[in-house]
Protein backbone atom coordinates (compact mmCIF):
# COMPACT_ATOMS: atom_id res chain seq x y z
CA MET A 1 -28.80 -0.03 -15.28
CA SER A 2 -32.45 -1.50 -15.09
CA ASP A 3 -32.65 -5.29 -15.10
CA GLU A 4 -36.19 -4.72 -16.49
CA PRO A 5 -36.35 -5.37 -20.57
CA VAL A 6 -37.71 -2.56 -22.53
CA ILE A 7 -41.19 -3.35 -23.78
CA ARG A 8 -41.93 -3.06 -27.45
CA ASP A 9 -44.79 -4.77 -27.83
CA LEU A 10 -47.73 -2.01 -28.43
CA GLY A 11 -50.52 -4.56 -27.14
CA ALA A 12 -48.33 -4.89 -24.32
CA LEU A 13 -48.54 -1.16 -23.50
CA GLU A 14 -51.97 -0.24 -24.44
CA PRO A 15 -53.31 -1.19 -20.69
CA ILE A 16 -50.69 1.12 -19.65
CA ILE A 17 -51.73 4.13 -21.69
CA GLU A 18 -55.34 3.16 -21.26
CA ARG A 19 -55.25 3.86 -17.45
CA ALA A 20 -53.03 6.69 -17.42
CA GLN A 21 -54.39 10.07 -16.54
CA VAL A 22 -51.97 12.34 -17.78
CA CYS A 23 -49.88 12.56 -21.03
CA ARG A 24 -46.93 14.28 -21.26
CA VAL A 25 -46.13 15.72 -24.52
CA GLY A 26 -42.77 17.26 -25.57
CA PHE A 27 -42.47 19.67 -28.04
CA SER A 28 -38.75 21.11 -29.90
CA LEU A 29 -37.89 24.51 -31.35
CA ASP A 30 -34.59 25.50 -32.25
CA ASP A 31 -33.20 22.91 -29.44
CA LYS A 32 -35.57 24.13 -26.87
CA PRO A 33 -37.76 21.30 -25.66
CA TYR A 34 -40.75 22.45 -23.93
CA VAL A 35 -43.21 19.86 -22.11
CA VAL A 36 -46.87 20.09 -21.41
CA PRO A 37 -48.95 17.82 -19.25
CA MET A 38 -51.99 17.44 -21.18
CA ASN A 39 -55.41 15.01 -21.15
CA PHE A 40 -55.47 12.52 -23.68
CA GLY A 41 -57.44 10.11 -25.50
CA TYR A 42 -55.86 7.06 -27.68
CA ARG A 43 -57.07 4.61 -30.07
CA ASP A 44 -55.57 2.61 -32.66
CA GLY A 45 -51.73 3.86 -32.50
CA ARG A 46 -52.86 7.43 -32.35
CA VAL A 47 -52.69 9.81 -29.32
CA TYR A 48 -55.24 12.69 -29.36
CA LEU A 49 -55.14 15.93 -27.40
CA HIS A 50 -57.31 19.02 -27.00
CA SER A 51 -55.98 22.49 -26.72
CA SER A 52 -56.62 25.82 -27.06
CA ALA A 53 -56.31 27.14 -30.55
CA ILE A 54 -53.71 29.56 -29.51
CA GLY A 55 -50.36 29.24 -27.19
CA ARG A 56 -46.68 28.03 -27.41
CA LYS A 57 -47.15 24.45 -28.20
CA ILE A 58 -49.35 25.20 -31.18
CA ASP A 59 -46.55 27.50 -32.34
CA ILE A 60 -44.03 24.81 -31.83
CA LEU A 61 -46.24 22.36 -33.57
CA LYS A 62 -46.73 24.02 -36.48
CA GLN A 63 -42.98 24.59 -37.21
CA ASN A 64 -42.18 21.21 -36.10
CA PRO A 65 -44.17 18.26 -35.83
CA SER A 66 -41.88 16.11 -34.04
CA VAL A 67 -43.13 15.23 -30.35
CA CYS A 68 -42.22 12.56 -27.56
CA PHE A 69 -45.57 11.68 -25.26
CA GLU A 70 -44.87 9.94 -21.92
CA VAL A 71 -47.52 8.27 -19.65
CA ASP A 72 -46.98 6.70 -16.28
CA ILE A 73 -49.32 4.73 -13.99
CA ASP A 74 -48.79 2.67 -10.39
CA HIS A 75 -46.29 4.87 -8.37
CA ALA A 76 -44.64 3.49 -5.46
CA LEU A 77 -41.91 4.81 -3.62
CA GLU A 78 -39.47 2.28 -2.24
CA GLU A 79 -37.83 3.04 0.82
CA SER A 80 -34.45 1.47 2.05
CA GLU A 81 -32.16 1.52 5.00
CA TYR A 82 -29.62 3.64 2.64
CA ALA A 83 -30.35 6.31 0.57
CA CYS A 84 -28.55 5.54 -2.53
CA LEU A 85 -31.34 2.51 -2.93
CA TRP A 86 -34.33 4.15 -2.64
CA GLY A 87 -36.56 3.66 -5.92
CA MET A 88 -39.78 4.01 -7.38
CA ARG A 89 -41.94 1.34 -8.54
CA PHE A 90 -44.00 2.01 -11.96
CA ARG A 91 -45.13 1.18 -15.43
CA SER A 92 -44.46 3.68 -18.16
CA VAL A 93 -44.96 4.30 -21.85
CA ILE A 94 -42.74 6.50 -24.31
CA GLY A 95 -43.50 7.14 -27.92
CA PHE A 96 -42.32 9.29 -30.38
CA GLY A 97 -44.50 10.59 -33.40
CA ARG A 98 -45.71 13.18 -35.92
CA ALA A 99 -48.38 15.17 -34.38
CA ALA A 100 -51.01 17.26 -36.75
CA LEU A 101 -53.90 19.37 -36.43
CA VAL A 102 -57.14 17.93 -37.02
CA ASP A 103 -59.28 20.52 -39.06
CA ASP A 104 -62.04 18.05 -40.23
CA PRO A 105 -64.95 18.84 -37.82
CA GLY A 106 -65.99 14.91 -38.22
CA GLU A 107 -62.47 13.69 -36.89
CA LYS A 108 -62.44 16.48 -34.58
CA ALA A 109 -65.15 15.56 -33.12
CA GLU A 110 -64.84 12.08 -33.36
CA ALA A 111 -61.27 12.44 -31.49
CA LEU A 112 -63.07 14.71 -28.76
CA ASP A 113 -64.92 11.60 -28.30
CA ILE A 114 -62.02 9.48 -27.67
CA ILE A 115 -60.43 11.93 -25.17
CA MET A 116 -63.77 12.23 -23.48
CA ASP A 117 -64.31 8.26 -23.26
CA HIS A 118 -60.62 8.25 -21.72
CA TYR A 119 -61.96 10.06 -18.65
CA SER A 120 -65.87 9.27 -18.93
CA SER A 121 -68.36 6.51 -19.86
CA SER A 122 -71.23 9.01 -20.21
CA ALA A 123 -71.67 8.89 -23.82
CA PRO A 124 -72.81 10.12 -26.40
CA HIS A 125 -71.03 13.64 -26.48
CA ASP A 126 -72.33 16.70 -27.91
CA TYR A 127 -70.29 19.77 -29.44
CA ALA A 128 -71.68 22.88 -30.21
CA ASP A 129 -70.16 23.98 -33.89
CA GLU A 130 -68.65 27.20 -32.16
CA MET A 131 -66.64 24.87 -29.68
CA LEU A 132 -65.66 22.42 -32.74
CA ASP A 133 -64.33 25.95 -34.17
CA ALA A 134 -62.83 27.16 -31.21
CA VAL A 135 -60.81 24.03 -29.71
CA ALA A 136 -57.51 22.54 -31.40
CA VAL A 137 -57.34 19.06 -31.81
CA ILE A 138 -53.58 17.53 -32.15
CA ARG A 139 -53.54 13.82 -33.39
CA ILE A 140 -50.06 12.20 -32.77
CA ASP A 141 -49.22 9.29 -35.15
CA LEU A 142 -47.02 6.71 -33.24
CA GLU A 143 -43.78 5.64 -34.99
CA GLU A 144 -42.06 4.08 -32.23
CA VAL A 145 -43.19 3.06 -28.67
CA SER A 146 -41.42 1.54 -25.68
CA GLY A 147 -42.12 0.77 -22.17
CA ARG A 148 -40.94 -0.27 -19.07
CA VAL A 149 -42.13 -1.82 -15.80
CA HIS A 150 -40.37 -1.38 -13.16
CA GLY A 151 -41.02 -3.29 -9.53
CA TYR A 152 -43.64 -5.08 -10.67
CA ASP A 153 -44.52 -8.29 -12.45
CA PRO A 154 -44.98 -7.41 -16.12
């Protein structure tokens, strides 16, 4: 069992979310989990994802909007003389929420801006109408979030 306390303050967890490069999202249907690594953006308690408009995650989402996400940063292997004492330092966040497909073109463009801003500072971003029509944007409204810092000062 870990000695590190679970962090539940979203303000303390946002720097981890903002530095993460990949968001793993867990979907579930008929007791079968499905986890997908995705590019993402975050703002104001919401995670935004973009996707093809067709595929397994979209099919699952339409039937079950409950999702889980995970991000992590600062990985460092801790070696030891004893195999069972090896470990990994990290900072991580896990959250649960309700996912929804964003249909409004204005909200979709704003969500894509948030995703683009997560990876690049080259604003403004332009989106052709055909692109907005073709891409799916998923918004996760966070309901519960927690994090852990292992091997580093919080």
